[in-house]
Amino acid sequence: MPLPSVHFGVLKTFLLNITTAPLI
């Protein structure tokens, strides 16, 4: 079973957006 790299990329971007949102 291959790793869902696309889903991982979207998830990482989503988490990064959450962590940077309060700073803006």
PDB file of N, CA and C in Angstrom:
ATOM      1  N   MET A   1       0.845  -1.199   0.000  1.00  0.00           N
ATOM      2  CA  MET A   1       0.000   0.000   0.000  1.00  0.00           C
ATOM      3  C   MET A   1       0.880   1.249   0.000  1.00  0.00           C
ATOM      4  N   PRO A   2       0.861   1.990  -1.091  1.00  0.00           N
ATOM      5  CA  PRO A   2       1.711   3.179  -1.229  1.00  0.00           C
ATOM      6  C   PRO A   2       1.235   4.315  -0.336  1.00  0.00           C
ATOM      7  N   LEU A   3       2.159   5.171   0.037  1.00  0.00           N
ATOM      8  CA  LEU A   3       1.815   6.299   0.893  1.00  0.00           C
ATOM      9  C   LEU A   3       1.081   7.377   0.101  1.00  0.00           C
ATOM     10  N   PRO A   4      -0.018   7.875   0.640  1.00  0.00           N
ATOM     11  CA  PRO A   4      -0.774   8.947  -0.029  1.00  0.00           C
ATOM     12  C   PRO A   4      -0.033  10.273   0.064  1.00  0.00           C
ATOM     13  N   SER A   5       0.974  10.442  -0.794  1.00  0.00           N
ATOM     14  CA  SER A   5       1.824  11.631  -0.732  1.00  0.00           C
ATOM     15  C   SER A   5       1.025  12.908  -1.006  1.00  0.00           C
ATOM     16  N   VAL A   6       0.036  12.790  -1.890  1.00  0.00           N
ATOM     17  CA  VAL A   6      -0.780  13.962  -2.222  1.00  0.00           C
ATOM     18  C   VAL A   6      -1.598  14.391  -1.012  1.00  0.00           C
ATOM     19  N   HIS A   7      -2.196  13.402  -0.336  1.00  0.00           N
ATOM     20  CA  HIS A   7      -3.007  13.692   0.847  1.00  0.00           C
ATOM     21  C   HIS A   7      -2.122  14.229   1.967  1.00  0.00           C
ATOM     22  N   PHE A   8      -0.903  13.702   2.060  1.00  0.00           N
ATOM     23  CA  PHE A   8       0.033  14.149   3.093  1.00  0.00           C
ATOM     24  C   PHE A   8       0.442  15.597   2.852  1.00  0.00           C
ATOM     25  N   GLY A   9       0.642  15.953   1.602  1.00  0.00           N
ATOM     26  CA  GLY A   9       1.026  17.317   1.258  1.00  0.00           C
ATOM     27  C   GLY A   9      -0.079  18.309   1.596  1.00  0.00           C
ATOM     28  N   VAL A  10      -1.324  17.920   1.287  1.00  0.00           N
ATOM     29  CA  VAL A  10      -2.471  18.778   1.586  1.00  0.00           C
ATOM     30  C   VAL A  10      -2.653  18.900   3.093  1.00  0.00           C
ATOM     31  N   LEU A  11      -2.451  17.783   3.802  1.00  0.00           N
ATOM     32  CA  LEU A  11      -2.609  17.784   5.250  1.00  0.00           C
ATOM     33  C   LEU A  11      -1.551  18.662   5.912  1.00  0.00           C
ATOM     34  N   LYS A  12      -0.313  18.565   5.404  1.00  0.00           N
ATOM     35  CA  LYS A  12       0.776  19.366   5.975  1.00  0.00           C
ATOM     36  C   LYS A  12       0.535  20.856   5.718  1.00  0.00           C
ATOM     37  N   THR A  13       0.031  21.178   4.537  1.00  0.00           N
ATOM     38  CA  THR A  13      -0.268  22.568   4.215  1.00  0.00           C
ATOM     39  C   THR A  13      -1.407  23.084   5.089  1.00  0.00           C
ATOM     40  N   PHE A  14      -2.388  22.194   5.349  1.00  0.00           N
ATOM     41  CA  PHE A  14      -3.528  22.565   6.184  1.00  0.00           C
ATOM     42  C   PHE A  14      -3.085  22.831   7.619  1.00  0.00           C
ATOM     43  N   LEU A  15      -2.214  21.968   8.133  1.00  0.00           N
ATOM     44  CA  LEU A  15      -1.702  22.144   9.494  1.00  0.00           C
ATOM     45  C   LEU A  15      -0.842  23.399   9.589  1.00  0.00           C
ATOM     46  N   LEU A  16      -0.048  23.666   8.543  1.00  0.00           N
ATOM     47  CA  LEU A  16       0.809  24.846   8.527  1.00  0.00           C
ATOM     48  C   LEU A  16      -0.044  26.113   8.511  1.00  0.00           C
ATOM     49  N   ASN A  17      -1.164  26.054   7.787  1.00  0.00           N
ATOM     50  CA  ASN A  17      -2.069  27.198   7.708  1.00  0.00           C
ATOM     51  C   ASN A  17      -2.705  27.462   9.068  1.00  0.00           C
ATOM     52  N   ILE A  18      -3.019  26.405   9.800  1.00  0.00           N
ATOM     53  CA  ILE A  18      -3.629  26.544  11.125  1.00  0.00           C
ATOM     54  C   ILE A  18      -2.634  27.158  12.112  1.00  0.00           C
ATOM     55  N   THR A  19      -1.380  26.742  12.020  1.00  0.00           N
ATOM     56  CA  THR A  19      -0.378  27.230  12.970  1.00  0.00           C
ATOM     57  C   THR A  19       0.027  28.668  12.673  1.00  0.00           C
ATOM     58  N   THR A  20      -0.068  29.080  11.411  1.00  0.00           N
ATOM     59  CA  THR A  20       0.348  30.433  11.043  1.00  0.00           C
ATOM     60  C   THR A  20      -0.815  31.416  11.040  1.00  0.00           C
ATOM     61  N   ALA A  21      -2.050  30.914  11.065  1.00  0.00           N
ATOM     62  CA  ALA A  21      -3.226  31.787  11.008  1.00  0.00           C
ATOM     63  C   ALA A  21      -3.322  32.742  12.209  1.00  0.00           C
ATOM     64  N   PRO A  22      -3.146  32.280  13.450  1.00  0.00           N
ATOM     65  CA  PRO A  22      -3.252  33.180  14.613  1.00  0.00           C
ATOM     66  C   PRO A  22      -2.166  34.261  14.634  1.00  0.00           C
ATOM     67  N   LEU A  23      -1.052  34.008  13.957  1.00  0.00           N
ATOM     68  CA  LEU A  23       0.050  34.974  13.962  1.00  0.00           C
ATOM     69  C   LEU A  23      -0.244  36.160  13.060  1.00  0.00           C
ATOM     70  N   ILE A  24      -1.083  35.941  12.065  1.00  0.00           N
ATOM     71  CA  ILE A  24      -1.393  37.004  11.104  1.00  0.00           C
ATOM     72  C   ILE A  24      -2.484  37.933  11.664  1.00  0.00           C
TER      73      ILE A  24
END
